[in-house]
N, C-alpha and C. Protein backbone atom coordinates (compact mmCIF):
# COMPACT_ATOMS: atom_id res chain seq x y z
N UNK A 1 -4.87 -16.48 10.35
CA UNK A 1 -5.96 -15.74 10.99
C UNK A 1 -6.07 -16.15 12.46
N UNK A 2 -6.27 -15.17 13.31
CA UNK A 2 -6.34 -15.44 14.74
C UNK A 2 -7.79 -15.70 15.16
N UNK A 3 -7.96 -16.68 16.07
CA UNK A 3 -9.30 -17.04 16.55
C UNK A 3 -9.35 -16.91 18.07
N UNK A 4 -10.58 -16.93 18.58
CA UNK A 4 -10.78 -17.05 20.02
C UNK A 4 -10.43 -18.48 20.44
N UNK A 5 -10.21 -18.66 21.75
CA UNK A 5 -10.12 -19.99 22.35
C UNK A 5 -11.16 -20.01 23.46
N UNK A 6 -11.68 -21.18 23.76
CA UNK A 6 -12.66 -21.28 24.85
C UNK A 6 -12.07 -22.17 25.93
N UNK A 7 -12.36 -21.83 27.18
CA UNK A 7 -11.93 -22.65 28.31
C UNK A 7 -13.13 -22.81 29.23
N UNK A 8 -13.41 -24.05 29.62
CA UNK A 8 -14.63 -24.30 30.38
C UNK A 8 -14.47 -25.56 31.21
N UNK A 9 -15.39 -25.73 32.18
CA UNK A 9 -15.48 -26.96 32.95
C UNK A 9 -16.95 -27.33 33.02
N UNK A 10 -17.23 -28.59 32.74
CA UNK A 10 -18.63 -29.03 32.80
C UNK A 10 -18.70 -30.42 33.43
N UNK A 11 -19.86 -30.72 34.02
CA UNK A 11 -20.09 -32.04 34.60
C UNK A 11 -20.50 -33.01 33.49
N UNK A 12 -20.68 -34.27 33.85
CA UNK A 12 -21.10 -35.27 32.86
C UNK A 12 -22.46 -34.95 32.24
N UNK A 13 -23.31 -34.25 33.00
CA UNK A 13 -24.61 -33.85 32.46
C UNK A 13 -24.59 -32.40 31.96
N UNK A 14 -23.38 -31.90 31.61
CA UNK A 14 -23.15 -30.62 30.93
C UNK A 14 -23.38 -29.38 31.80
N UNK A 15 -23.55 -29.54 33.11
CA UNK A 15 -23.75 -28.38 33.99
C UNK A 15 -22.45 -27.58 34.08
N UNK A 16 -22.57 -26.25 33.98
CA UNK A 16 -21.41 -25.37 34.21
C UNK A 16 -21.65 -24.39 35.35
N UNK A 17 -22.90 -24.26 35.80
CA UNK A 17 -23.18 -23.32 36.88
C UNK A 17 -24.48 -23.61 37.60
N UNK A 18 -24.56 -23.10 38.83
CA UNK A 18 -25.77 -23.21 39.64
C UNK A 18 -25.90 -21.93 40.45
N UNK A 19 -27.00 -21.21 40.26
CA UNK A 19 -27.23 -19.93 40.96
C UNK A 19 -26.05 -18.97 40.80
N UNK A 20 -25.49 -18.91 39.62
CA UNK A 20 -24.41 -17.95 39.34
C UNK A 20 -23.05 -18.36 39.89
N UNK A 21 -22.95 -19.57 40.42
CA UNK A 21 -21.68 -20.04 40.99
C UNK A 21 -21.25 -21.34 40.32
N UNK A 22 -19.97 -21.70 40.48
CA UNK A 22 -19.49 -22.99 39.99
C UNK A 22 -19.84 -24.03 41.05
N UNK A 23 -20.56 -25.09 40.66
CA UNK A 23 -21.07 -26.03 41.69
C UNK A 23 -20.08 -27.13 42.10
N UNK A 24 -18.82 -26.84 42.10
CA UNK A 24 -17.81 -27.77 42.62
C UNK A 24 -16.59 -26.97 43.04
N UNK A 25 -15.74 -27.58 43.84
CA UNK A 25 -14.52 -26.91 44.30
C UNK A 25 -13.33 -27.81 44.01
N UNK A 26 -12.61 -27.48 42.95
CA UNK A 26 -11.45 -28.27 42.54
C UNK A 26 -10.25 -27.34 42.37
N UNK A 27 -9.48 -27.12 43.44
CA UNK A 27 -8.38 -26.16 43.38
C UNK A 27 -7.38 -26.42 42.25
N UNK A 28 -7.14 -27.70 41.94
CA UNK A 28 -6.17 -28.00 40.87
C UNK A 28 -6.67 -27.50 39.51
N UNK A 29 -8.00 -27.62 39.31
CA UNK A 29 -8.56 -27.13 38.04
C UNK A 29 -8.50 -25.61 37.97
N UNK A 30 -8.70 -24.93 39.12
CA UNK A 30 -8.56 -23.46 39.14
C UNK A 30 -7.13 -23.06 38.80
N UNK A 31 -6.17 -23.85 39.29
CA UNK A 31 -4.75 -23.55 38.98
C UNK A 31 -4.49 -23.69 37.48
N UNK A 32 -5.07 -24.71 36.86
CA UNK A 32 -4.94 -24.93 35.42
C UNK A 32 -5.54 -23.74 34.66
N UNK A 33 -6.73 -23.32 35.06
CA UNK A 33 -7.39 -22.17 34.43
C UNK A 33 -6.50 -20.93 34.54
N UNK A 34 -5.94 -20.71 35.72
CA UNK A 34 -5.08 -19.55 35.96
C UNK A 34 -3.84 -19.60 35.07
N UNK A 35 -3.23 -20.78 35.00
CA UNK A 35 -2.02 -20.95 34.18
C UNK A 35 -2.30 -20.65 32.71
N UNK A 36 -3.44 -21.12 32.22
CA UNK A 36 -3.79 -20.92 30.80
C UNK A 36 -4.12 -19.46 30.48
N UNK A 37 -4.78 -18.78 31.41
CA UNK A 37 -5.29 -17.44 31.10
C UNK A 37 -4.39 -16.30 31.57
N UNK A 38 -3.46 -16.56 32.47
CA UNK A 38 -2.62 -15.50 33.04
C UNK A 38 -1.89 -14.71 31.95
N UNK A 39 -1.98 -13.39 32.04
CA UNK A 39 -1.33 -12.53 31.07
C UNK A 39 -2.08 -12.42 29.75
N UNK A 40 -3.19 -13.11 29.65
CA UNK A 40 -3.98 -13.09 28.42
C UNK A 40 -5.27 -12.30 28.62
N UNK A 41 -6.21 -12.51 27.74
CA UNK A 41 -7.48 -11.80 27.77
C UNK A 41 -8.58 -12.80 28.06
N UNK A 42 -9.48 -12.47 28.99
CA UNK A 42 -10.62 -13.33 29.29
C UNK A 42 -11.91 -12.58 28.95
N UNK A 43 -12.80 -13.27 28.26
CA UNK A 43 -14.08 -12.68 27.85
C UNK A 43 -15.19 -13.39 28.61
N UNK A 44 -16.06 -12.62 29.24
CA UNK A 44 -17.16 -13.23 30.00
C UNK A 44 -18.38 -12.33 29.95
N UNK A 45 -19.52 -12.93 30.25
CA UNK A 45 -20.75 -12.16 30.34
C UNK A 45 -20.87 -11.48 31.69
N UNK A 46 -21.87 -10.61 31.78
CA UNK A 46 -22.10 -9.85 33.01
C UNK A 46 -22.33 -10.77 34.21
N UNK A 47 -23.18 -11.80 34.03
CA UNK A 47 -23.51 -12.68 35.16
C UNK A 47 -22.27 -13.41 35.67
N UNK A 48 -21.42 -13.85 34.77
CA UNK A 48 -20.19 -14.55 35.17
C UNK A 48 -19.29 -13.60 35.95
N UNK A 49 -19.17 -12.36 35.45
CA UNK A 49 -18.32 -11.37 36.12
C UNK A 49 -18.86 -11.05 37.51
N UNK A 50 -20.18 -10.84 37.61
CA UNK A 50 -20.78 -10.54 38.91
C UNK A 50 -20.67 -11.74 39.85
N UNK A 51 -20.79 -12.96 39.30
CA UNK A 51 -20.67 -14.16 40.12
C UNK A 51 -19.29 -14.29 40.74
N UNK A 52 -18.25 -13.88 39.98
CA UNK A 52 -16.88 -13.93 40.51
C UNK A 52 -16.68 -12.85 41.57
N UNK A 53 -17.33 -11.71 41.35
CA UNK A 53 -17.25 -10.62 42.34
C UNK A 53 -16.03 -9.72 42.20
N UNK A 54 -15.16 -10.03 41.25
CA UNK A 54 -13.95 -9.21 41.04
C UNK A 54 -13.34 -9.58 39.69
N UNK A 55 -12.54 -8.68 39.12
CA UNK A 55 -11.87 -9.04 37.87
C UNK A 55 -10.75 -10.06 38.15
N UNK A 56 -10.43 -10.86 37.16
CA UNK A 56 -9.31 -11.80 37.31
C UNK A 56 -8.01 -11.01 37.23
N UNK A 57 -7.14 -11.14 38.24
CA UNK A 57 -5.93 -10.32 38.26
C UNK A 57 -4.94 -10.69 37.16
N UNK A 58 -4.16 -9.69 36.75
CA UNK A 58 -3.10 -9.84 35.74
C UNK A 58 -3.62 -10.34 34.40
N UNK A 59 -4.86 -9.96 34.11
CA UNK A 59 -5.47 -10.29 32.83
C UNK A 59 -6.31 -9.11 32.36
N UNK A 60 -6.54 -9.03 31.07
CA UNK A 60 -7.51 -8.07 30.56
C UNK A 60 -8.87 -8.76 30.64
N UNK A 61 -9.79 -8.18 31.42
CA UNK A 61 -11.13 -8.74 31.60
C UNK A 61 -12.09 -8.02 30.66
N UNK A 62 -12.62 -8.73 29.68
CA UNK A 62 -13.59 -8.14 28.76
C UNK A 62 -14.98 -8.63 29.17
N UNK A 63 -15.82 -7.69 29.58
CA UNK A 63 -17.15 -8.06 30.08
C UNK A 63 -18.20 -7.60 29.07
N UNK A 64 -19.02 -8.56 28.66
CA UNK A 64 -20.04 -8.30 27.65
C UNK A 64 -21.38 -8.04 28.33
N UNK A 65 -21.95 -6.86 28.09
CA UNK A 65 -23.26 -6.53 28.66
C UNK A 65 -23.96 -5.48 27.81
N UNK A 66 -25.27 -5.58 27.76
CA UNK A 66 -26.05 -4.55 27.04
C UNK A 66 -26.29 -3.33 27.92
N UNK A 67 -26.02 -3.47 29.24
CA UNK A 67 -26.29 -2.36 30.18
C UNK A 67 -25.04 -2.05 31.01
N UNK A 68 -24.02 -1.43 30.40
CA UNK A 68 -22.77 -1.19 31.13
C UNK A 68 -22.94 -0.32 32.37
N UNK A 69 -23.77 0.71 32.30
CA UNK A 69 -23.92 1.61 33.46
C UNK A 69 -24.52 0.86 34.64
N UNK A 70 -25.46 -0.05 34.34
CA UNK A 70 -26.08 -0.84 35.40
C UNK A 70 -25.03 -1.73 36.08
N UNK A 71 -24.16 -2.33 35.27
CA UNK A 71 -23.09 -3.18 35.81
C UNK A 71 -22.16 -2.36 36.70
N UNK A 72 -21.74 -1.20 36.22
CA UNK A 72 -20.80 -0.35 36.97
C UNK A 72 -21.42 0.08 38.30
N UNK A 73 -22.71 0.48 38.25
CA UNK A 73 -23.38 0.93 39.48
C UNK A 73 -23.61 -0.21 40.47
N UNK A 74 -23.75 -1.46 39.94
CA UNK A 74 -24.03 -2.60 40.82
C UNK A 74 -22.79 -3.07 41.57
N UNK A 75 -21.60 -2.62 41.16
CA UNK A 75 -20.36 -3.09 41.78
C UNK A 75 -19.43 -1.91 42.12
N UNK A 76 -19.91 -0.98 42.97
CA UNK A 76 -19.08 0.20 43.27
C UNK A 76 -17.77 -0.18 43.96
N UNK A 77 -17.80 -1.29 44.73
CA UNK A 77 -16.58 -1.70 45.44
C UNK A 77 -15.48 -2.11 44.46
N UNK A 78 -15.86 -2.54 43.25
CA UNK A 78 -14.87 -2.89 42.23
C UNK A 78 -14.51 -1.66 41.41
N UNK A 79 -15.52 -1.07 40.80
CA UNK A 79 -15.24 0.00 39.84
C UNK A 79 -14.74 1.27 40.52
N UNK A 80 -15.02 1.43 41.81
CA UNK A 80 -14.51 2.59 42.54
C UNK A 80 -13.00 2.59 42.69
N UNK A 81 -12.37 1.40 42.62
CA UNK A 81 -10.91 1.31 42.77
C UNK A 81 -10.18 1.57 41.46
N UNK A 82 -10.94 1.60 40.36
CA UNK A 82 -10.31 1.67 39.05
C UNK A 82 -10.42 3.06 38.44
N UNK A 83 -9.48 3.36 37.59
CA UNK A 83 -9.50 4.62 36.86
C UNK A 83 -10.19 4.37 35.53
N UNK A 84 -11.13 5.20 35.18
CA UNK A 84 -11.86 5.00 33.93
C UNK A 84 -11.19 5.75 32.79
N UNK A 85 -11.02 5.07 31.68
CA UNK A 85 -10.44 5.67 30.48
C UNK A 85 -11.48 5.71 29.38
N UNK A 86 -11.42 6.75 28.58
CA UNK A 86 -12.21 6.76 27.34
C UNK A 86 -11.20 7.00 26.24
N UNK A 87 -10.78 5.94 25.60
CA UNK A 87 -9.73 6.07 24.57
C UNK A 87 -8.63 5.10 24.87
N UNK A 88 -7.58 5.13 24.08
CA UNK A 88 -6.46 4.24 24.33
C UNK A 88 -6.26 3.22 23.22
N UNK A 89 -5.16 2.52 23.31
CA UNK A 89 -4.70 1.63 22.24
C UNK A 89 -5.74 0.59 21.81
N UNK A 90 -6.36 -0.10 22.78
CA UNK A 90 -7.29 -1.17 22.41
C UNK A 90 -8.73 -0.69 22.44
N UNK A 91 -8.92 0.60 22.43
CA UNK A 91 -10.26 1.13 22.61
C UNK A 91 -10.81 1.62 21.28
N UNK A 92 -10.84 0.74 20.31
CA UNK A 92 -11.42 1.10 19.02
C UNK A 92 -12.93 1.05 19.18
N UNK A 93 -13.62 0.63 18.17
CA UNK A 93 -15.08 0.69 18.18
C UNK A 93 -15.78 -0.01 19.35
N UNK A 94 -15.41 -1.28 19.69
CA UNK A 94 -16.36 -2.04 20.50
C UNK A 94 -16.51 -1.62 21.95
N UNK A 95 -15.51 -0.98 22.54
CA UNK A 95 -15.54 -0.82 23.99
C UNK A 95 -16.20 0.48 24.37
N UNK A 96 -17.11 0.36 25.32
CA UNK A 96 -17.74 1.57 25.82
C UNK A 96 -16.98 2.11 27.02
N UNK A 97 -16.36 1.21 27.80
CA UNK A 97 -15.64 1.63 29.00
C UNK A 97 -14.36 0.82 29.13
N UNK A 98 -13.36 1.44 29.70
CA UNK A 98 -12.09 0.76 29.98
C UNK A 98 -11.64 1.22 31.36
N UNK A 99 -11.50 0.27 32.27
CA UNK A 99 -11.06 0.59 33.63
C UNK A 99 -9.69 -0.02 33.86
N UNK A 100 -8.82 0.76 34.46
CA UNK A 100 -7.47 0.27 34.73
C UNK A 100 -7.08 0.67 36.14
N UNK A 101 -6.41 -0.25 36.85
CA UNK A 101 -5.97 0.05 38.20
C UNK A 101 -4.59 0.67 38.11
N UNK A 102 -4.46 1.86 38.59
CA UNK A 102 -3.19 2.57 38.47
C UNK A 102 -2.19 2.10 39.52
N UNK A 103 -0.93 2.14 39.16
CA UNK A 103 0.13 1.85 40.13
C UNK A 103 0.42 0.39 40.33
N UNK A 104 -0.26 -0.50 39.61
CA UNK A 104 0.03 -1.93 39.76
C UNK A 104 1.13 -2.33 38.80
N UNK A 105 2.01 -3.20 39.26
CA UNK A 105 3.08 -3.69 38.38
C UNK A 105 2.45 -4.60 37.31
N UNK A 106 1.68 -5.58 37.78
CA UNK A 106 0.95 -6.44 36.85
C UNK A 106 -0.41 -5.78 36.63
N UNK A 107 -0.70 -5.48 35.39
CA UNK A 107 -1.91 -4.70 35.15
C UNK A 107 -3.16 -5.57 35.05
N UNK A 108 -4.19 -5.16 35.77
CA UNK A 108 -5.51 -5.77 35.68
C UNK A 108 -6.43 -4.73 35.07
N UNK A 109 -7.05 -5.07 33.97
CA UNK A 109 -7.91 -4.11 33.29
C UNK A 109 -9.29 -4.71 33.07
N UNK A 110 -10.28 -3.84 33.02
CA UNK A 110 -11.64 -4.26 32.70
C UNK A 110 -12.11 -3.44 31.49
N UNK A 111 -12.51 -4.14 30.46
CA UNK A 111 -13.14 -3.49 29.30
C UNK A 111 -14.60 -3.92 29.33
N UNK A 112 -15.50 -2.98 29.11
CA UNK A 112 -16.92 -3.33 29.04
C UNK A 112 -17.38 -3.06 27.61
N UNK A 113 -18.01 -4.05 27.00
CA UNK A 113 -18.44 -3.85 25.62
C UNK A 113 -19.77 -4.56 25.40
N UNK A 114 -20.43 -4.26 24.27
CA UNK A 114 -21.81 -4.73 24.13
C UNK A 114 -22.04 -5.69 22.99
N UNK A 115 -20.98 -6.06 22.25
CA UNK A 115 -21.21 -6.99 21.14
C UNK A 115 -19.97 -7.82 20.87
N UNK A 116 -20.15 -9.11 20.93
CA UNK A 116 -19.06 -10.03 20.62
C UNK A 116 -18.70 -9.95 19.14
N UNK A 117 -19.69 -9.60 18.32
CA UNK A 117 -19.48 -9.57 16.87
C UNK A 117 -18.43 -8.54 16.47
N UNK A 118 -18.31 -7.48 17.24
CA UNK A 118 -17.39 -6.41 16.86
C UNK A 118 -16.01 -6.59 17.48
N UNK A 119 -15.81 -7.67 18.20
CA UNK A 119 -14.53 -7.93 18.84
C UNK A 119 -13.64 -8.74 17.90
N UNK A 120 -12.50 -8.20 17.54
CA UNK A 120 -11.59 -8.87 16.61
C UNK A 120 -10.35 -9.36 17.33
N UNK A 121 -10.09 -10.68 17.31
CA UNK A 121 -8.90 -11.21 17.98
C UNK A 121 -7.59 -10.57 17.49
N UNK A 122 -7.56 -10.15 16.22
CA UNK A 122 -6.34 -9.55 15.65
C UNK A 122 -5.94 -8.25 16.37
N UNK A 123 -6.90 -7.63 17.06
CA UNK A 123 -6.59 -6.36 17.72
C UNK A 123 -5.71 -6.55 18.95
N UNK A 124 -5.56 -7.79 19.40
CA UNK A 124 -4.83 -8.05 20.64
C UNK A 124 -3.61 -8.92 20.38
N UNK A 125 -2.51 -8.64 21.09
CA UNK A 125 -1.31 -9.46 20.91
C UNK A 125 -1.40 -10.81 21.63
N UNK A 126 -2.29 -10.94 22.61
CA UNK A 126 -2.36 -12.15 23.43
C UNK A 126 -3.52 -13.04 23.01
N UNK A 127 -3.56 -14.24 23.60
CA UNK A 127 -4.69 -15.14 23.37
C UNK A 127 -5.94 -14.59 24.05
N UNK A 128 -7.08 -14.82 23.41
CA UNK A 128 -8.37 -14.40 23.99
C UNK A 128 -9.15 -15.66 24.35
N UNK A 129 -9.41 -15.82 25.66
CA UNK A 129 -10.13 -16.99 26.16
C UNK A 129 -11.56 -16.63 26.51
N UNK A 130 -12.51 -17.33 25.90
CA UNK A 130 -13.92 -17.20 26.26
C UNK A 130 -14.14 -18.05 27.50
N UNK A 131 -14.67 -17.44 28.58
CA UNK A 131 -14.79 -18.23 29.83
C UNK A 131 -16.15 -18.12 30.49
N UNK A 132 -17.21 -17.93 29.70
CA UNK A 132 -18.56 -18.06 30.25
C UNK A 132 -19.38 -16.79 30.21
N UNK A 133 -20.64 -16.94 30.48
CA UNK A 133 -21.40 -18.16 30.73
C UNK A 133 -21.93 -18.80 29.47
N UNK A 134 -23.03 -19.54 29.64
CA UNK A 134 -23.56 -20.40 28.58
C UNK A 134 -23.88 -19.63 27.30
N UNK A 135 -24.51 -18.46 27.41
CA UNK A 135 -24.87 -17.69 26.21
C UNK A 135 -23.63 -17.21 25.47
N UNK A 136 -22.61 -16.82 26.24
CA UNK A 136 -21.37 -16.33 25.61
C UNK A 136 -20.68 -17.49 24.90
N UNK A 137 -20.62 -18.66 25.55
CA UNK A 137 -20.04 -19.84 24.89
C UNK A 137 -20.79 -20.13 23.58
N UNK A 138 -22.10 -20.11 23.66
CA UNK A 138 -22.91 -20.44 22.49
C UNK A 138 -22.60 -19.51 21.32
N UNK A 139 -22.49 -18.21 21.63
CA UNK A 139 -22.21 -17.23 20.58
C UNK A 139 -20.77 -17.30 20.08
N UNK A 140 -19.84 -17.60 20.98
CA UNK A 140 -18.43 -17.51 20.63
C UNK A 140 -17.84 -18.79 20.05
N UNK A 141 -18.39 -19.96 20.41
CA UNK A 141 -17.79 -21.22 19.93
C UNK A 141 -17.62 -21.28 18.41
N UNK A 142 -18.57 -20.75 17.61
CA UNK A 142 -18.35 -20.78 16.16
C UNK A 142 -17.10 -20.00 15.71
N UNK A 143 -16.59 -19.13 16.58
CA UNK A 143 -15.40 -18.34 16.24
C UNK A 143 -14.14 -18.82 16.97
N UNK A 144 -14.24 -19.95 17.67
CA UNK A 144 -13.11 -20.48 18.44
C UNK A 144 -12.33 -21.52 17.64
N UNK A 145 -11.01 -21.47 17.75
CA UNK A 145 -10.17 -22.49 17.13
C UNK A 145 -9.99 -23.67 18.07
N UNK A 146 -9.93 -23.39 19.38
CA UNK A 146 -9.64 -24.42 20.37
C UNK A 146 -10.61 -24.34 21.53
N UNK A 147 -10.85 -25.50 22.14
CA UNK A 147 -11.65 -25.58 23.35
C UNK A 147 -10.89 -26.44 24.36
N UNK A 148 -10.62 -25.84 25.52
CA UNK A 148 -9.99 -26.57 26.62
C UNK A 148 -11.09 -26.87 27.63
N UNK A 149 -11.45 -28.14 27.72
CA UNK A 149 -12.63 -28.52 28.50
C UNK A 149 -12.27 -29.46 29.64
N UNK A 150 -12.57 -29.02 30.85
CA UNK A 150 -12.44 -29.89 32.02
C UNK A 150 -13.77 -30.61 32.19
N UNK A 151 -13.73 -31.94 32.19
CA UNK A 151 -14.95 -32.73 32.38
C UNK A 151 -14.93 -33.29 33.80
N UNK A 152 -15.87 -32.82 34.61
CA UNK A 152 -16.00 -33.29 35.99
C UNK A 152 -16.67 -34.67 35.94
N UNK A 153 -16.08 -35.65 36.59
CA UNK A 153 -16.53 -37.04 36.43
C UNK A 153 -17.73 -37.39 37.32
N UNK A 154 -18.72 -36.52 37.30
CA UNK A 154 -19.95 -36.85 38.03
C UNK A 154 -21.07 -35.96 37.50
N UNK A 155 -22.29 -36.34 37.80
CA UNK A 155 -23.44 -35.51 37.43
C UNK A 155 -23.68 -34.53 38.57
N UNK A 156 -24.05 -33.31 38.20
CA UNK A 156 -24.18 -32.23 39.17
C UNK A 156 -25.49 -31.50 38.92
N UNK A 157 -26.13 -31.05 39.98
CA UNK A 157 -27.35 -30.24 39.79
C UNK A 157 -26.95 -28.81 39.47
N UNK A 158 -27.67 -28.22 38.53
CA UNK A 158 -27.36 -26.84 38.16
C UNK A 158 -28.41 -26.28 37.24
N UNK A 159 -28.23 -25.00 36.87
CA UNK A 159 -29.21 -24.35 36.00
C UNK A 159 -28.58 -23.76 34.74
N UNK A 160 -27.27 -23.96 34.57
CA UNK A 160 -26.58 -23.44 33.40
C UNK A 160 -25.79 -24.57 32.76
N UNK A 161 -25.92 -24.69 31.43
CA UNK A 161 -25.35 -25.85 30.75
C UNK A 161 -24.43 -25.44 29.60
N UNK A 162 -23.41 -26.27 29.35
CA UNK A 162 -22.50 -26.00 28.24
C UNK A 162 -23.18 -26.39 26.94
N UNK A 163 -23.10 -25.53 25.91
CA UNK A 163 -23.80 -25.82 24.66
C UNK A 163 -23.15 -26.98 23.89
N UNK A 164 -23.90 -27.61 22.98
CA UNK A 164 -23.33 -28.68 22.16
C UNK A 164 -22.19 -28.14 21.30
N UNK A 165 -21.13 -28.90 21.20
CA UNK A 165 -19.97 -28.48 20.40
C UNK A 165 -19.39 -29.66 19.62
N UNK A 166 -19.84 -30.89 19.96
CA UNK A 166 -19.20 -32.11 19.49
C UNK A 166 -19.17 -32.26 17.97
N UNK A 167 -20.15 -31.68 17.27
CA UNK A 167 -20.18 -31.85 15.81
C UNK A 167 -19.14 -30.98 15.10
N UNK A 168 -18.70 -29.93 15.77
CA UNK A 168 -17.76 -28.98 15.13
C UNK A 168 -16.32 -29.13 15.61
N UNK A 169 -16.14 -29.79 16.77
CA UNK A 169 -14.79 -29.90 17.36
C UNK A 169 -14.39 -31.36 17.49
N UNK A 170 -13.08 -31.60 17.42
CA UNK A 170 -12.55 -32.95 17.58
C UNK A 170 -11.50 -32.94 18.67
N UNK A 171 -11.52 -33.98 19.51
CA UNK A 171 -10.53 -34.04 20.58
C UNK A 171 -9.16 -34.35 19.98
N UNK A 172 -8.15 -33.54 20.34
CA UNK A 172 -6.81 -33.77 19.83
C UNK A 172 -5.86 -34.29 20.91
N UNK A 173 -6.17 -34.01 22.18
CA UNK A 173 -5.32 -34.57 23.24
C UNK A 173 -6.05 -34.54 24.58
N UNK A 174 -5.66 -35.50 25.42
CA UNK A 174 -6.08 -35.47 26.82
C UNK A 174 -4.89 -34.90 27.59
N UNK A 175 -5.10 -33.75 28.23
CA UNK A 175 -4.00 -33.05 28.88
C UNK A 175 -3.73 -33.61 30.27
N UNK A 176 -4.80 -33.99 30.97
CA UNK A 176 -4.63 -34.43 32.36
C UNK A 176 -5.84 -35.28 32.76
N UNK A 177 -5.60 -36.22 33.67
CA UNK A 177 -6.73 -36.97 34.22
C UNK A 177 -6.41 -37.39 35.65
N UNK A 178 -7.40 -37.28 36.52
CA UNK A 178 -7.29 -37.82 37.87
C UNK A 178 -8.66 -38.39 38.28
N UNK A 179 -8.83 -38.69 39.55
CA UNK A 179 -10.09 -39.31 40.01
C UNK A 179 -11.31 -38.42 39.78
N UNK A 180 -11.12 -37.11 39.90
CA UNK A 180 -12.26 -36.19 39.89
C UNK A 180 -12.61 -35.63 38.51
N UNK A 181 -11.62 -35.45 37.65
CA UNK A 181 -11.88 -34.80 36.36
C UNK A 181 -10.78 -35.13 35.35
N UNK A 182 -11.08 -34.78 34.10
CA UNK A 182 -10.04 -34.86 33.07
C UNK A 182 -10.09 -33.58 32.24
N UNK A 183 -8.94 -33.17 31.71
CA UNK A 183 -8.85 -31.96 30.89
C UNK A 183 -8.58 -32.39 29.45
N UNK A 184 -9.48 -31.99 28.57
CA UNK A 184 -9.40 -32.37 27.16
C UNK A 184 -9.18 -31.14 26.29
N UNK A 185 -8.40 -31.31 25.24
CA UNK A 185 -8.16 -30.23 24.28
C UNK A 185 -8.84 -30.61 22.97
N UNK A 186 -9.79 -29.77 22.55
CA UNK A 186 -10.50 -29.97 21.29
C UNK A 186 -10.05 -28.91 20.29
N UNK A 187 -10.08 -29.27 19.01
CA UNK A 187 -9.74 -28.31 17.96
C UNK A 187 -10.88 -28.30 16.94
N UNK A 188 -11.12 -27.13 16.39
CA UNK A 188 -12.18 -27.01 15.38
C UNK A 188 -11.86 -27.92 14.19
N UNK A 189 -12.83 -28.72 13.77
CA UNK A 189 -12.60 -29.70 12.70
C UNK A 189 -12.14 -29.06 11.40
N UNK A 190 -12.73 -27.92 11.05
CA UNK A 190 -12.35 -27.27 9.78
C UNK A 190 -10.88 -26.85 9.80
N UNK A 191 -10.35 -26.49 10.96
CA UNK A 191 -8.94 -26.10 11.05
C UNK A 191 -8.04 -27.33 10.98
N UNK A 192 -8.50 -28.46 11.53
CA UNK A 192 -7.72 -29.70 11.44
C UNK A 192 -7.55 -30.11 9.97
N UNK A 193 -8.61 -29.92 9.17
CA UNK A 193 -8.52 -30.24 7.74
C UNK A 193 -7.49 -29.36 7.06
N UNK A 194 -7.48 -28.06 7.45
CA UNK A 194 -6.53 -27.11 6.84
C UNK A 194 -5.09 -27.49 7.19
N UNK A 195 -4.90 -28.05 8.40
CA UNK A 195 -3.54 -28.36 8.86
C UNK A 195 -3.00 -29.64 8.24
N UNK A 196 -3.90 -30.55 7.83
CA UNK A 196 -3.43 -31.84 7.33
C UNK A 196 -3.06 -31.79 5.85
């Protein structure tokens, strides 16, 4: 059975955002995020998408919102460049809108949908990475097999926090560590039991 994966970065005091932005600048961690998600599917909430200001290139961007028309109208500079589709291979029940940029070799697509519950990982050939914000993580973590977590080695002021996950996930490897942060790979405990 296929599951979601989550990818996130948090400070020692669990902050993941401040005023809709990431409250640190670590280019190496951005490169890691890009490497993990490139060619795959990224799922995010409306605020995270608006905070970025553009879709992540060469990925399928799935944006979760209860008000898709409001989102589309709030970002004409983005959605005006895209061709809107109603239908298509991955456009079963959950998606209300699908935007695709025509003529690009590497395809960047935006799907807008209103319920994480109706999204099935089996419908996609690639990995699906949950990448924020806090409410989306909270809802999606119970359906994630893996969590790739960058821990920033300092306390940071912010208004958005990563939800508790420690009781359900176990660290299986430390992928990287330097002075500023470390990248940890967690796996859902119930799946570790199945594997052993």
